[in-house]
């Protein structure tokens, strides 16, 4: 499959049984994977974090952050953080589904919430947290030629991590891993490898 449609994603989540992590030593976090359609093609929105944030300084990420005690669900976390970081109001987001939890070397359990934006509003960046916002065609990540593996020193261990270079942006780490795993499950192509 070289392209993914919104109906394909809806169908996927209608029968998807996600993997949950129940390790209470991890910090719970939720991220929004914001999708929209432009010229008939699905695109995904990313943010670049500032050097002022506490975690993952300067990295490319999805809008999101740590769960607050006021958040009733991880969906609330992802939508609240998207509003705080880029001014994306929850009324503009249709929640399509919740994907598998991800454990990060930095001690987080991240839950990706996939959402669809029927129309694009004007974003308002929280300059303390987000330096830039950009979008990438989802099809870019379906082309295995755009994928590479790099070795990174993370928290005292050398690890293999997936990354994608899109123009001046380097998408790697948990963000790349979450998106890659999601697309593997969506496309179910044997040419992809699930583990490094």
N, C-alpha and C. Protein backbone atom coordinates (compact mmCIF):
# COMPACT_ATOMS: atom_id res chain seq x y z
N UNK A 1 0.85 -1.19 0.00
CA UNK A 1 0.00 0.00 0.00
C UNK A 1 0.88 1.24 0.00
N UNK A 2 0.64 2.15 -0.92
CA UNK A 2 1.44 3.36 -1.01
C UNK A 2 0.71 4.56 -0.44
N UNK A 3 -0.56 4.40 -0.13
CA UNK A 3 -1.31 5.52 0.42
C UNK A 3 -2.27 5.02 1.48
N UNK A 4 -2.59 5.88 2.42
CA UNK A 4 -3.53 5.55 3.48
C UNK A 4 -4.64 6.59 3.47
N UNK A 5 -5.87 6.12 3.57
CA UNK A 5 -7.01 7.03 3.57
C UNK A 5 -7.58 7.14 4.98
N UNK A 6 -8.38 8.17 5.17
CA UNK A 6 -9.02 8.36 6.46
C UNK A 6 -9.97 7.20 6.78
N UNK A 7 -10.66 6.70 5.77
CA UNK A 7 -11.57 5.58 6.00
C UNK A 7 -10.80 4.33 6.41
N UNK A 8 -9.59 4.17 5.87
CA UNK A 8 -8.74 3.04 6.27
C UNK A 8 -8.38 3.13 7.75
N UNK A 9 -8.05 4.33 8.21
CA UNK A 9 -7.68 4.52 9.62
C UNK A 9 -8.89 4.28 10.52
N UNK A 10 -10.05 4.79 10.11
CA UNK A 10 -11.27 4.57 10.90
C UNK A 10 -11.55 3.06 11.01
N UNK A 11 -11.42 2.36 9.90
CA UNK A 11 -11.67 0.92 9.88
C UNK A 11 -10.68 0.18 10.79
N UNK A 12 -9.42 0.61 10.74
CA UNK A 12 -8.39 0.00 11.58
C UNK A 12 -8.76 0.10 13.06
N UNK A 13 -9.14 1.29 13.51
CA UNK A 13 -9.43 1.48 14.93
C UNK A 13 -10.74 0.83 15.36
N UNK A 14 -11.62 0.55 14.42
CA UNK A 14 -12.90 -0.07 14.79
C UNK A 14 -12.71 -1.47 15.37
N UNK A 15 -11.58 -2.11 15.04
CA UNK A 15 -11.34 -3.46 15.57
C UNK A 15 -9.98 -3.59 16.27
N UNK A 16 -9.33 -2.47 16.52
CA UNK A 16 -7.98 -2.49 17.09
C UNK A 16 -8.03 -2.72 18.60
N UNK A 17 -7.20 -3.63 19.08
CA UNK A 17 -7.05 -3.88 20.52
C UNK A 17 -5.66 -3.43 20.92
N UNK A 18 -5.58 -2.31 21.60
CA UNK A 18 -4.29 -1.70 21.83
C UNK A 18 -3.53 -2.34 22.99
N UNK A 19 -2.21 -2.16 22.97
CA UNK A 19 -1.33 -2.66 24.03
C UNK A 19 -1.12 -1.55 25.07
N UNK A 20 -1.45 -1.87 26.30
CA UNK A 20 -1.31 -0.90 27.38
C UNK A 20 -0.15 -1.27 28.30
N UNK A 21 0.54 -0.25 28.80
CA UNK A 21 1.63 -0.44 29.77
C UNK A 21 1.09 -0.02 31.13
N UNK A 22 1.26 -0.90 32.11
CA UNK A 22 0.70 -0.63 33.45
C UNK A 22 1.77 -0.35 34.50
N UNK A 23 2.98 -0.05 34.05
CA UNK A 23 4.09 0.23 34.96
C UNK A 23 3.89 1.60 35.62
N UNK A 24 3.58 1.60 36.92
CA UNK A 24 3.29 2.85 37.63
C UNK A 24 4.53 3.69 37.92
N UNK A 25 5.71 3.15 37.64
CA UNK A 25 6.93 3.94 37.85
C UNK A 25 7.17 4.91 36.69
N UNK A 26 6.45 4.71 35.60
CA UNK A 26 6.61 5.58 34.44
C UNK A 26 5.69 6.81 34.55
N UNK A 27 6.14 7.92 34.01
CA UNK A 27 5.31 9.12 33.98
C UNK A 27 4.36 9.03 32.79
N UNK A 28 3.07 9.17 33.04
CA UNK A 28 2.07 9.07 31.98
C UNK A 28 2.05 10.34 31.15
N UNK A 29 1.99 10.17 29.83
CA UNK A 29 1.92 11.31 28.92
C UNK A 29 1.04 10.95 27.74
N UNK A 30 0.41 11.95 27.17
CA UNK A 30 -0.41 11.75 25.97
C UNK A 30 -0.01 12.71 24.88
N UNK A 31 0.03 12.21 23.66
CA UNK A 31 0.33 13.08 22.51
C UNK A 31 -0.79 12.96 21.49
N UNK A 32 -1.03 14.03 20.79
CA UNK A 32 -2.01 14.04 19.71
C UNK A 32 -1.28 13.87 18.39
N UNK A 33 -1.73 12.90 17.59
CA UNK A 33 -1.21 12.72 16.24
C UNK A 33 -2.23 13.39 15.31
N UNK A 34 -2.02 14.67 14.96
CA UNK A 34 -3.05 15.42 14.25
C UNK A 34 -2.93 15.23 12.73
N UNK A 35 -3.99 14.69 12.15
CA UNK A 35 -4.04 14.45 10.71
C UNK A 35 -5.02 15.42 10.06
N UNK A 36 -4.70 15.81 8.83
CA UNK A 36 -5.65 16.60 8.04
C UNK A 36 -5.44 16.27 6.57
N UNK A 37 -6.38 16.66 5.75
CA UNK A 37 -6.30 16.36 4.32
C UNK A 37 -6.03 17.65 3.55
N UNK A 38 -5.03 17.59 2.68
CA UNK A 38 -4.72 18.71 1.79
C UNK A 38 -4.51 18.16 0.38
N UNK A 39 -5.23 18.71 -0.58
CA UNK A 39 -5.16 18.23 -1.96
C UNK A 39 -5.37 16.72 -2.05
N UNK A 40 -6.32 16.24 -1.26
CA UNK A 40 -6.69 14.83 -1.32
C UNK A 40 -5.73 13.88 -0.60
N UNK A 41 -4.73 14.43 0.10
CA UNK A 41 -3.72 13.59 0.75
C UNK A 41 -3.68 13.85 2.24
N UNK A 42 -3.56 12.77 3.02
CA UNK A 42 -3.42 12.91 4.46
C UNK A 42 -2.04 13.45 4.82
N UNK A 43 -2.02 14.39 5.74
CA UNK A 43 -0.77 14.95 6.23
C UNK A 43 -0.81 14.92 7.75
N UNK A 44 0.38 14.91 8.37
CA UNK A 44 0.46 14.86 9.83
C UNK A 44 1.23 16.07 10.33
N UNK A 45 0.77 16.63 11.43
CA UNK A 45 1.34 17.85 11.99
C UNK A 45 2.35 17.50 13.09
N UNK A 46 3.50 18.18 13.05
CA UNK A 46 4.54 18.02 14.07
C UNK A 46 4.87 19.39 14.67
N UNK A 47 5.48 19.35 15.85
CA UNK A 47 6.02 20.57 16.44
C UNK A 47 7.51 20.37 16.70
N UNK A 48 8.21 21.49 16.72
CA UNK A 48 9.60 21.45 17.18
C UNK A 48 9.65 22.10 18.55
N UNK A 49 10.18 21.36 19.52
CA UNK A 49 10.22 21.85 20.89
C UNK A 49 11.35 22.88 21.04
N UNK A 50 11.14 23.81 21.95
CA UNK A 50 12.16 24.82 22.22
C UNK A 50 13.26 24.21 23.09
N UNK A 51 14.28 25.00 23.34
CA UNK A 51 15.35 24.59 24.25
C UNK A 51 15.01 24.95 25.70
N UNK A 52 13.80 25.50 25.91
CA UNK A 52 13.39 25.91 27.25
C UNK A 52 12.60 24.82 27.98
N UNK A 53 12.09 23.84 27.24
CA UNK A 53 11.26 22.81 27.87
C UNK A 53 12.12 21.88 28.73
N UNK A 54 11.45 21.21 29.67
CA UNK A 54 12.19 20.36 30.61
C UNK A 54 12.70 19.08 29.96
N UNK A 55 11.88 18.49 29.07
CA UNK A 55 12.24 17.21 28.46
C UNK A 55 12.33 17.34 26.94
N UNK A 56 13.26 16.58 26.34
CA UNK A 56 13.37 16.44 24.88
C UNK A 56 13.54 17.79 24.18
N UNK A 57 14.47 18.56 24.68
CA UNK A 57 14.72 19.91 24.16
C UNK A 57 15.07 19.88 22.67
N UNK A 58 14.44 20.77 21.90
CA UNK A 58 14.76 20.95 20.50
C UNK A 58 14.31 19.84 19.57
N UNK A 59 13.68 18.81 20.12
CA UNK A 59 13.30 17.67 19.28
C UNK A 59 11.97 17.90 18.57
N UNK A 60 11.79 17.13 17.50
CA UNK A 60 10.52 17.11 16.79
C UNK A 60 9.58 16.18 17.55
N UNK A 61 8.35 16.62 17.73
CA UNK A 61 7.41 15.81 18.50
C UNK A 61 5.99 16.05 18.01
N UNK A 62 5.07 15.26 18.53
CA UNK A 62 3.66 15.56 18.39
C UNK A 62 3.26 16.48 19.54
N UNK A 63 2.21 17.29 19.35
CA UNK A 63 1.74 18.08 20.49
C UNK A 63 1.35 17.15 21.63
N UNK A 64 1.77 17.47 22.85
CA UNK A 64 1.42 16.61 23.97
C UNK A 64 2.31 16.85 25.17
N UNK A 65 2.05 16.08 26.22
CA UNK A 65 2.83 16.24 27.43
C UNK A 65 2.31 15.36 28.54
N UNK A 66 2.78 15.65 29.75
CA UNK A 66 2.46 14.81 30.91
C UNK A 66 1.00 14.96 31.31
N UNK A 67 0.46 13.87 31.82
CA UNK A 67 -0.92 13.85 32.29
C UNK A 67 -1.03 14.62 33.60
N UNK A 68 -2.03 15.49 33.69
CA UNK A 68 -2.32 16.21 34.92
C UNK A 68 -3.40 15.48 35.70
N UNK A 69 -3.45 15.74 37.00
CA UNK A 69 -4.47 15.07 37.82
C UNK A 69 -5.88 15.51 37.44
N UNK A 70 -5.99 16.67 36.79
CA UNK A 70 -7.31 17.15 36.35
C UNK A 70 -7.81 16.42 35.11
N UNK A 71 -6.89 15.77 34.38
CA UNK A 71 -7.28 15.06 33.16
C UNK A 71 -8.00 13.76 33.53
N UNK A 72 -9.21 13.58 33.03
CA UNK A 72 -9.95 12.36 33.32
C UNK A 72 -9.45 11.18 32.49
N UNK A 73 -9.03 11.45 31.27
CA UNK A 73 -8.53 10.40 30.38
C UNK A 73 -7.28 10.89 29.67
N UNK A 74 -6.57 9.95 29.03
CA UNK A 74 -5.37 10.33 28.27
C UNK A 74 -5.75 11.15 27.04
N UNK A 75 -6.98 10.99 26.56
CA UNK A 75 -7.46 11.84 25.47
C UNK A 75 -7.52 13.29 25.93
N UNK A 76 -8.02 13.49 27.16
CA UNK A 76 -8.05 14.85 27.73
C UNK A 76 -6.66 15.44 27.79
N UNK A 77 -5.68 14.62 28.16
CA UNK A 77 -4.29 15.08 28.23
C UNK A 77 -3.80 15.55 26.87
N UNK A 78 -3.98 14.71 25.86
CA UNK A 78 -3.49 15.04 24.52
C UNK A 78 -4.16 16.30 23.98
N UNK A 79 -5.46 16.41 24.16
CA UNK A 79 -6.19 17.57 23.64
C UNK A 79 -5.86 18.84 24.42
N UNK A 80 -5.73 18.72 25.73
CA UNK A 80 -5.36 19.89 26.54
C UNK A 80 -3.99 20.40 26.15
N UNK A 81 -3.03 19.47 26.02
CA UNK A 81 -1.67 19.88 25.66
C UNK A 81 -1.61 20.49 24.27
N UNK A 82 -2.38 19.94 23.33
CA UNK A 82 -2.41 20.50 21.97
C UNK A 82 -2.94 21.93 21.99
N UNK A 83 -3.92 22.17 22.85
CA UNK A 83 -4.46 23.53 23.00
C UNK A 83 -3.41 24.44 23.61
N UNK A 84 -2.75 23.96 24.67
CA UNK A 84 -1.75 24.79 25.36
C UNK A 84 -0.53 25.07 24.48
N UNK A 85 -0.12 24.10 23.67
CA UNK A 85 1.12 24.24 22.90
C UNK A 85 0.93 24.99 21.58
N UNK A 86 -0.16 24.66 20.86
CA UNK A 86 -0.32 25.26 19.51
C UNK A 86 -1.69 25.91 19.32
N UNK A 87 -2.48 26.02 20.39
CA UNK A 87 -3.77 26.69 20.29
C UNK A 87 -4.81 25.90 19.53
N UNK A 88 -4.65 24.58 19.45
CA UNK A 88 -5.60 23.74 18.73
C UNK A 88 -6.76 23.39 19.67
N UNK A 89 -7.93 23.93 19.39
CA UNK A 89 -9.11 23.72 20.23
C UNK A 89 -9.69 22.33 20.01
N UNK A 90 -10.14 21.70 21.10
CA UNK A 90 -10.63 20.33 21.00
C UNK A 90 -11.85 20.22 20.09
N UNK A 91 -12.60 21.30 19.93
CA UNK A 91 -13.77 21.27 19.04
C UNK A 91 -13.37 21.05 17.59
N UNK A 92 -12.11 21.32 17.26
CA UNK A 92 -11.63 21.16 15.89
C UNK A 92 -11.09 19.76 15.64
N UNK A 93 -11.01 18.93 16.69
CA UNK A 93 -10.37 17.63 16.58
C UNK A 93 -11.40 16.51 16.75
N UNK A 94 -11.44 15.62 15.78
CA UNK A 94 -12.22 14.39 15.90
C UNK A 94 -11.26 13.29 16.35
N UNK A 95 -11.50 12.73 17.53
CA UNK A 95 -10.65 11.64 18.01
C UNK A 95 -11.03 10.36 17.28
N UNK A 96 -10.07 9.81 16.54
CA UNK A 96 -10.32 8.60 15.75
C UNK A 96 -10.01 7.35 16.55
N UNK A 97 -8.92 7.37 17.32
CA UNK A 97 -8.56 6.19 18.10
C UNK A 97 -7.33 6.42 18.96
N UNK A 98 -7.09 5.47 19.84
CA UNK A 98 -5.92 5.51 20.73
C UNK A 98 -5.02 4.34 20.37
N UNK A 99 -3.76 4.64 20.11
CA UNK A 99 -2.81 3.61 19.69
C UNK A 99 -2.07 3.04 20.91
N UNK A 100 -1.14 2.12 20.64
CA UNK A 100 -0.39 1.43 21.70
C UNK A 100 0.42 2.40 22.55
N UNK A 101 0.54 2.08 23.85
CA UNK A 101 1.44 2.82 24.73
C UNK A 101 2.89 2.56 24.34
N UNK A 102 3.72 3.57 24.57
CA UNK A 102 5.16 3.45 24.29
C UNK A 102 5.95 3.84 25.52
N UNK A 103 6.94 2.99 25.83
CA UNK A 103 7.87 3.27 26.93
C UNK A 103 9.10 3.97 26.36
N UNK A 104 9.53 5.07 26.98
CA UNK A 104 10.70 5.78 26.50
C UNK A 104 11.86 5.61 27.48
N UNK A 105 13.10 5.73 26.99
CA UNK A 105 14.26 5.63 27.88
C UNK A 105 14.28 6.72 28.95
N UNK A 106 13.54 7.81 28.70
CA UNK A 106 13.50 8.92 29.67
C UNK A 106 12.48 8.70 30.78
N UNK A 107 11.81 7.54 30.77
CA UNK A 107 10.92 7.20 31.88
C UNK A 107 9.47 7.58 31.68
N UNK A 108 9.04 7.76 30.44
CA UNK A 108 7.66 8.10 30.15
C UNK A 108 6.92 6.90 29.56
N UNK A 109 5.63 6.85 29.82
CA UNK A 109 4.72 5.99 29.08
C UNK A 109 3.85 6.92 28.25
N UNK A 110 4.08 6.91 26.93
CA UNK A 110 3.39 7.84 26.04
C UNK A 110 2.26 7.12 25.31
N UNK A 111 1.09 7.74 25.33
CA UNK A 111 -0.06 7.19 24.61
C UNK A 111 -0.40 8.12 23.45
N UNK A 112 -0.30 7.62 22.21
CA UNK A 112 -0.66 8.43 21.04
C UNK A 112 -2.18 8.40 20.80
N UNK A 113 -2.75 9.58 20.69
CA UNK A 113 -4.17 9.73 20.36
C UNK A 113 -4.25 10.27 18.93
N UNK A 114 -4.83 9.49 18.04
CA UNK A 114 -4.90 9.89 16.63
C UNK A 114 -6.17 10.72 16.43
N UNK A 115 -5.98 11.92 15.90
CA UNK A 115 -7.10 12.82 15.69
C UNK A 115 -7.13 13.38 14.28
N UNK A 116 -8.31 13.76 13.84
CA UNK A 116 -8.48 14.31 12.49
C UNK A 116 -9.01 15.73 12.58
N UNK A 117 -8.39 16.63 11.81
CA UNK A 117 -8.81 18.03 11.74
C UNK A 117 -9.56 18.22 10.42
N UNK A 118 -10.87 18.41 10.50
CA UNK A 118 -11.66 18.59 9.28
C UNK A 118 -11.31 19.89 8.59
N UNK A 119 -10.96 20.89 9.37
CA UNK A 119 -10.47 22.15 8.80
C UNK A 119 -9.34 22.66 9.67
N UNK A 120 -8.47 23.42 9.06
CA UNK A 120 -7.30 23.94 9.77
C UNK A 120 -7.58 25.34 10.27
N UNK A 121 -7.40 25.55 11.54
CA UNK A 121 -7.54 26.87 12.13
C UNK A 121 -6.17 27.55 12.15
N UNK A 122 -6.14 28.78 12.61
CA UNK A 122 -4.87 29.46 12.79
C UNK A 122 -4.26 28.98 14.10
N UNK A 123 -3.03 28.49 14.02
CA UNK A 123 -2.37 28.00 15.23
C UNK A 123 -1.71 29.15 15.98
N UNK A 124 -1.73 29.03 17.30
CA UNK A 124 -1.08 30.01 18.17
C UNK A 124 -0.04 29.26 18.99
N UNK A 125 1.22 29.48 18.68
CA UNK A 125 2.28 28.72 19.33
C UNK A 125 2.60 29.28 20.71
N UNK A 126 2.75 28.38 21.68
CA UNK A 126 3.28 28.74 22.98
C UNK A 126 4.80 28.80 22.82
N UNK A 127 5.32 30.01 22.74
CA UNK A 127 6.74 30.20 22.39
C UNK A 127 7.69 29.66 23.46
N UNK A 128 7.18 29.38 24.66
CA UNK A 128 8.03 28.78 25.68
C UNK A 128 8.25 27.30 25.42
N UNK A 129 7.32 26.68 24.70
CA UNK A 129 7.38 25.24 24.49
C UNK A 129 7.62 24.84 23.04
N UNK A 130 7.09 25.62 22.10
CA UNK A 130 7.12 25.24 20.69
C UNK A 130 7.77 26.35 19.88
N UNK A 131 8.81 25.98 19.13
CA UNK A 131 9.48 26.98 18.31
C UNK A 131 8.93 27.01 16.88
N UNK A 132 8.33 25.89 16.45
CA UNK A 132 7.87 25.81 15.07
C UNK A 132 6.83 24.70 14.93
N UNK A 133 5.96 24.86 13.93
CA UNK A 133 4.99 23.83 13.59
C UNK A 133 5.08 23.59 12.09
N UNK A 134 4.99 22.31 11.69
CA UNK A 134 5.06 21.98 10.27
C UNK A 134 4.30 20.69 10.02
N UNK A 135 4.07 20.37 8.76
CA UNK A 135 3.36 19.13 8.45
C UNK A 135 4.08 18.39 7.33
N UNK A 136 3.83 17.08 7.31
CA UNK A 136 4.50 16.17 6.37
C UNK A 136 3.45 15.24 5.78
N UNK A 137 3.52 14.94 4.48
CA UNK A 137 2.59 13.95 3.91
C UNK A 137 2.78 12.60 4.58
N UNK A 138 1.70 11.94 4.93
CA UNK A 138 1.80 10.63 5.56
C UNK A 138 2.50 9.64 4.64
N UNK A 139 2.34 9.85 3.33
CA UNK A 139 2.95 8.94 2.36
C UNK A 139 4.48 8.96 2.44
N UNK A 140 5.05 10.06 2.92
CA UNK A 140 6.50 10.15 3.06
C UNK A 140 7.03 9.04 3.96
N UNK A 141 6.29 8.73 5.01
CA UNK A 141 6.73 7.73 5.99
C UNK A 141 6.44 6.31 5.51
N UNK A 142 5.64 6.17 4.47
CA UNK A 142 5.36 4.85 3.91
C UNK A 142 6.45 4.37 2.97
N UNK A 143 7.29 5.30 2.54
CA UNK A 143 8.39 4.96 1.64
C UNK A 143 9.60 4.56 2.48
N UNK A 144 9.95 3.28 2.46
CA UNK A 144 11.05 2.80 3.30
C UNK A 144 12.39 3.44 2.94
N UNK A 145 12.49 4.04 1.75
CA UNK A 145 13.73 4.72 1.37
C UNK A 145 13.96 5.98 2.21
N UNK A 146 12.89 6.48 2.83
CA UNK A 146 13.01 7.68 3.66
C UNK A 146 13.35 7.36 5.11
N UNK A 147 13.50 6.09 5.39
CA UNK A 147 13.75 5.64 6.77
C UNK A 147 15.22 5.26 6.94
N UNK A 148 15.77 5.61 8.08
CA UNK A 148 17.14 5.20 8.38
C UNK A 148 17.24 4.82 9.85
N UNK A 149 18.28 4.12 10.19
CA UNK A 149 18.55 3.74 11.58
C UNK A 149 19.85 4.40 12.00
N UNK A 150 19.84 5.07 13.14
CA UNK A 150 21.02 5.71 13.68
C UNK A 150 21.29 5.18 15.09
N UNK A 151 22.54 5.25 15.48
CA UNK A 151 22.91 4.87 16.86
C UNK A 151 23.05 6.15 17.69
N UNK A 152 22.33 6.17 18.81
CA UNK A 152 22.36 7.34 19.69
C UNK A 152 22.71 6.91 21.11
N UNK A 153 23.46 7.76 21.78
CA UNK A 153 23.74 7.55 23.20
C UNK A 153 22.60 8.18 24.00
N UNK A 154 21.81 7.33 24.67
CA UNK A 154 20.65 7.81 25.41
C UNK A 154 20.67 7.23 26.81
N UNK A 155 20.77 8.12 27.80
CA UNK A 155 20.71 7.72 29.20
C UNK A 155 21.71 6.59 29.52
N UNK A 156 22.92 6.79 29.00
CA UNK A 156 24.00 5.87 29.33
C UNK A 156 24.06 4.60 28.51
N UNK A 157 23.16 4.47 27.54
CA UNK A 157 23.16 3.29 26.69
C UNK A 157 23.16 3.70 25.22
N UNK A 158 23.87 2.92 24.42
CA UNK A 158 23.86 3.16 22.97
C UNK A 158 22.70 2.38 22.38
N UNK A 159 21.82 3.10 21.69
CA UNK A 159 20.61 2.47 21.16
C UNK A 159 20.48 2.74 19.67
N UNK A 160 19.88 1.80 18.96
CA UNK A 160 19.49 2.03 17.58
C UNK A 160 18.14 2.73 17.56
N UNK A 161 18.03 3.81 16.81
CA UNK A 161 16.75 4.54 16.73
C UNK A 161 16.42 4.81 15.26
N UNK A 162 15.14 4.78 14.97
CA UNK A 162 14.68 5.13 13.62
C UNK A 162 14.63 6.63 13.48
N UNK A 163 14.89 7.10 12.26
CA UNK A 163 14.74 8.53 12.01
C UNK A 163 14.39 8.78 10.55
N UNK A 164 13.80 9.93 10.33
CA UNK A 164 13.41 10.39 9.00
C UNK A 164 13.90 11.83 8.85
N UNK A 165 14.45 12.14 7.69
CA UNK A 165 14.86 13.50 7.38
C UNK A 165 13.89 14.07 6.37
N UNK A 166 13.18 15.13 6.75
CA UNK A 166 12.24 15.79 5.85
C UNK A 166 12.64 17.26 5.76
N UNK A 167 13.32 17.60 4.67
CA UNK A 167 13.85 18.94 4.55
C UNK A 167 14.86 19.21 5.65
N UNK A 168 14.64 20.26 6.41
CA UNK A 168 15.56 20.61 7.50
C UNK A 168 15.21 19.90 8.81
N UNK A 169 14.16 19.10 8.78
CA UNK A 169 13.68 18.49 10.02
C UNK A 169 14.16 17.05 10.16
N UNK A 170 14.58 16.70 11.36
CA UNK A 170 14.96 15.33 11.68
C UNK A 170 13.95 14.77 12.69
N UNK A 171 13.17 13.82 12.25
CA UNK A 171 12.13 13.21 13.07
C UNK A 171 12.68 11.87 13.55
N UNK A 172 12.88 11.72 14.85
CA UNK A 172 13.52 10.52 15.36
C UNK A 172 12.97 10.20 16.74
N UNK A 173 13.55 9.19 17.38
CA UNK A 173 13.19 8.84 18.74
C UNK A 173 11.78 8.30 18.85
N UNK A 174 11.13 8.61 19.97
CA UNK A 174 9.80 8.08 20.25
C UNK A 174 8.79 8.51 19.19
N UNK A 175 8.91 9.74 18.70
CA UNK A 175 7.97 10.23 17.69
C UNK A 175 8.04 9.38 16.43
N UNK A 176 9.25 9.14 15.94
CA UNK A 176 9.42 8.30 14.75
C UNK A 176 8.97 6.87 15.02
N UNK A 177 9.31 6.35 16.19
CA UNK A 177 8.96 4.96 16.51
C UNK A 177 7.45 4.76 16.60
N UNK A 178 6.76 5.70 17.23
CA UNK A 178 5.31 5.59 17.34
C UNK A 178 4.64 5.64 15.98
N UNK A 179 5.06 6.60 15.15
CA UNK A 179 4.45 6.75 13.83
C UNK A 179 4.76 5.55 12.95
N UNK A 180 5.99 5.07 13.01
CA UNK A 180 6.39 3.92 12.21
C UNK A 180 5.59 2.68 12.58
N UNK A 181 5.47 2.42 13.88
CA UNK A 181 4.72 1.26 14.35
C UNK A 181 3.25 1.35 13.93
N UNK A 182 2.69 2.53 14.05
CA UNK A 182 1.29 2.75 13.66
C UNK A 182 1.09 2.45 12.18
N UNK A 183 2.00 2.93 11.34
CA UNK A 183 1.88 2.71 9.91
C UNK A 183 2.10 1.25 9.53
N UNK A 184 2.99 0.57 10.27
CA UNK A 184 3.18 -0.86 10.04
C UNK A 184 1.88 -1.60 10.29
N UNK A 185 1.25 -1.30 11.41
CA UNK A 185 -0.02 -1.97 11.73
C UNK A 185 -1.11 -1.62 10.72
N UNK A 186 -1.10 -0.39 10.25
CA UNK A 186 -2.10 0.03 9.26
C UNK A 186 -1.92 -0.69 7.93
N UNK A 187 -0.68 -0.80 7.51
CA UNK A 187 -0.42 -1.36 6.18
C UNK A 187 -0.19 -2.86 6.21
N UNK A 188 0.31 -3.37 7.37
CA UNK A 188 0.55 -4.80 7.55
C UNK A 188 1.40 -5.37 6.42
N UNK A 189 2.49 -4.67 6.13
CA UNK A 189 3.37 -5.11 5.04
C UNK A 189 4.55 -5.89 5.62
N UNK A 190 4.80 -7.05 5.08
CA UNK A 190 5.86 -7.90 5.60
C UNK A 190 7.25 -7.34 5.31
N UNK A 191 7.37 -6.36 4.39
CA UNK A 191 8.69 -5.82 4.10
C UNK A 191 9.20 -4.97 5.27
N UNK A 192 8.31 -4.56 6.18
CA UNK A 192 8.75 -3.78 7.34
C UNK A 192 9.22 -4.74 8.42
N UNK A 193 10.19 -4.30 9.20
CA UNK A 193 10.65 -5.07 10.35
C UNK A 193 10.13 -4.40 11.61
N UNK A 194 9.58 -5.19 12.50
CA UNK A 194 8.99 -4.63 13.71
C UNK A 194 10.05 -4.27 14.75
N UNK A 195 11.18 -4.93 14.70
CA UNK A 195 12.21 -4.63 15.71
C UNK A 195 13.53 -4.33 15.03
N UNK A 196 14.38 -3.63 15.75
CA UNK A 196 15.71 -3.30 15.22
C UNK A 196 16.64 -4.50 15.37
